[in-house]
């Protein structure tokens, strides 16, 4: 007996195109049939990136990447708000936005302090 013959013998045989009815399993008490089908919510990759960039910007003191975290957090929030019920990580987008704002403020303050120190140094050495 060849492989093809064994495969044909193992297939269930139905008359014509009719197939057996699917098995109906008993439902839990309190369940109403048919229930709406809900899918799993997806993660927005921009929200994850915003949070990672924001945390890296704060904890490694690479505050140069904080404005990018703020920008990606804003983009992710816009995408999440445009498609309600699709994405599940709005909190990550908000966290990336907030850490991006904090890092950007720290970046601005560090640039301001550096400029003041350079001006003081130039004035002190110029006289």
Protein backbone atom coordinates (compact mmCIF):
# COMPACT_ATOMS: atom_id res chain seq x y z
CA UNK A 1 0.00 0.00 0.00
CA UNK A 2 1.49 3.34 -1.03
CA UNK A 3 1.57 6.49 1.04
CA UNK A 4 -1.16 8.15 -1.07
CA UNK A 5 -3.47 5.16 -0.63
CA UNK A 6 -2.98 5.20 3.16
CA UNK A 7 -3.65 8.95 3.25
CA UNK A 8 -6.88 8.47 1.30
CA UNK A 9 -7.99 5.68 3.63
CA UNK A 10 -7.43 7.84 6.73
CA UNK A 11 -9.64 10.70 5.47
CA UNK A 12 -13.23 10.72 6.71
CA UNK A 13 -15.71 10.06 3.96
CA UNK A 14 -18.78 12.24 3.61
CA UNK A 15 -21.60 11.88 1.17
CA UNK A 16 -21.33 14.73 -1.33
CA UNK A 17 -20.27 18.12 0.07
CA UNK A 18 -22.04 17.78 3.41
CA UNK A 19 -19.97 17.97 6.56
CA UNK A 20 -21.03 17.05 10.08
CA UNK A 21 -22.37 19.81 12.31
CA UNK A 22 -19.82 21.32 14.71
CA UNK A 23 -20.04 20.16 18.28
CA UNK A 24 -21.94 22.55 20.53
CA UNK A 25 -20.38 22.55 23.98
CA UNK A 26 -22.45 23.54 27.01
CA UNK A 27 -21.99 27.14 28.13
CA UNK A 28 -21.12 28.34 31.60
CA UNK A 29 -24.10 29.49 33.68
CA UNK A 30 -24.80 33.15 33.03
CA UNK A 31 -23.31 33.16 29.53
CA UNK A 32 -25.51 34.28 26.69
CA UNK A 33 -24.95 32.66 23.32
CA UNK A 34 -23.78 33.97 20.85
CA UNK A 35 -21.22 36.21 22.46
CA UNK A 36 -19.48 38.95 20.49
CA UNK A 37 -15.96 38.07 19.44
CA UNK A 38 -13.39 40.39 20.91
CA UNK A 39 -9.80 40.26 19.74
CA UNK A 40 -6.71 40.93 21.71
CA UNK A 41 -5.54 44.51 21.81
CA UNK A 42 -2.23 45.24 20.14
CA UNK A 43 0.70 47.20 21.50
CA UNK A 44 1.62 50.40 19.73
CA UNK A 45 5.32 50.22 18.91
CA UNK A 46 5.69 54.01 18.93
CA UNK A 47 4.44 54.09 22.53
CA UNK A 48 6.98 51.47 23.56
CA UNK A 49 9.76 53.34 21.78
CA UNK A 50 8.74 56.63 23.42
CA UNK A 51 8.86 55.09 26.88
CA UNK A 52 12.21 53.41 26.27
CA UNK A 53 13.73 56.63 24.88
CA UNK A 54 12.34 58.67 27.75
CA UNK A 55 13.66 56.31 30.41
CA UNK A 56 17.05 56.06 28.72
CA UNK A 57 17.18 59.83 28.51
CA UNK A 58 16.54 60.24 32.22
CA UNK A 59 18.44 57.35 33.75
CA UNK A 60 21.56 57.51 31.59
CA UNK A 61 21.64 61.32 31.47
CA UNK A 62 21.54 61.22 27.68
CA UNK A 63 18.95 63.98 27.75
CA UNK A 64 19.66 64.64 24.07
CA UNK A 65 17.23 61.84 23.17
CA UNK A 66 14.46 63.18 25.42
CA UNK A 67 12.90 65.47 22.78
CA UNK A 68 12.60 62.42 20.50
CA UNK A 69 10.78 60.57 23.30
CA UNK A 70 8.39 63.50 23.68
CA UNK A 71 7.79 63.58 19.92
CA UNK A 72 7.21 59.80 19.64
CA UNK A 73 4.93 59.91 22.69
CA UNK A 74 2.80 62.57 21.01
CA UNK A 75 2.67 60.52 17.81
CA UNK A 76 1.70 57.37 19.70
CA UNK A 77 -1.07 59.16 21.61
CA UNK A 78 -2.45 60.52 18.34
CA UNK A 79 -2.45 57.01 16.80
CA UNK A 80 -4.07 55.47 19.88
CA UNK A 81 -6.76 58.17 20.02
CA UNK A 82 -7.43 57.82 16.29
CA UNK A 83 -8.15 54.08 16.60
CA UNK A 84 -9.98 53.45 19.89
CA UNK A 85 -10.15 49.84 21.00
CA UNK A 86 -7.14 48.74 18.94
CA UNK A 87 -4.14 49.53 21.15
CA UNK A 88 -3.62 48.62 24.78
CA UNK A 89 -0.57 50.61 25.85
CA UNK A 90 -1.76 54.20 26.16
CA UNK A 91 0.00 54.38 29.53
CA UNK A 92 3.34 53.68 27.89
CA UNK A 93 2.74 56.54 25.45
CA UNK A 94 1.90 58.90 28.30
CA UNK A 95 4.97 57.72 30.25
CA UNK A 96 7.19 58.31 27.22
CA UNK A 97 5.67 61.74 26.73
CA UNK A 98 6.14 62.75 30.37
CA UNK A 99 9.70 61.43 30.64
CA UNK A 100 10.45 63.17 27.34
CA UNK A 101 9.14 66.46 28.71
CA UNK A 102 11.16 66.11 31.91
CA UNK A 103 14.31 65.24 29.97
CA UNK A 104 13.77 68.12 27.55
CA UNK A 105 13.41 70.55 30.46
CA UNK A 106 16.63 69.17 31.96
CA UNK A 107 18.33 69.52 28.58
CA UNK A 108 17.20 73.14 28.30
CA UNK A 109 18.39 73.91 31.83
CA UNK A 110 21.77 72.29 31.21
CA UNK A 111 22.21 74.28 27.98
CA UNK A 112 21.22 77.47 29.81
CA UNK A 113 23.66 76.78 32.68
CA UNK A 114 26.43 76.01 30.19
CA UNK A 115 25.81 79.26 28.31
CA UNK A 116 25.83 81.29 31.53
CA UNK A 117 29.10 79.64 32.60
CA UNK A 118 30.70 80.36 29.20
CA UNK A 119 29.58 84.00 29.36
CA UNK A 120 30.94 84.34 32.90
CA UNK A 121 34.21 82.72 31.80
CA UNK A 122 34.55 85.05 28.78
CA UNK A 123 33.81 88.14 30.87
CA UNK A 124 36.20 87.06 33.64
CA UNK A 125 39.11 86.32 31.30
CA UNK A 126 38.48 89.33 29.06
CA UNK A 127 39.25 91.96 31.73
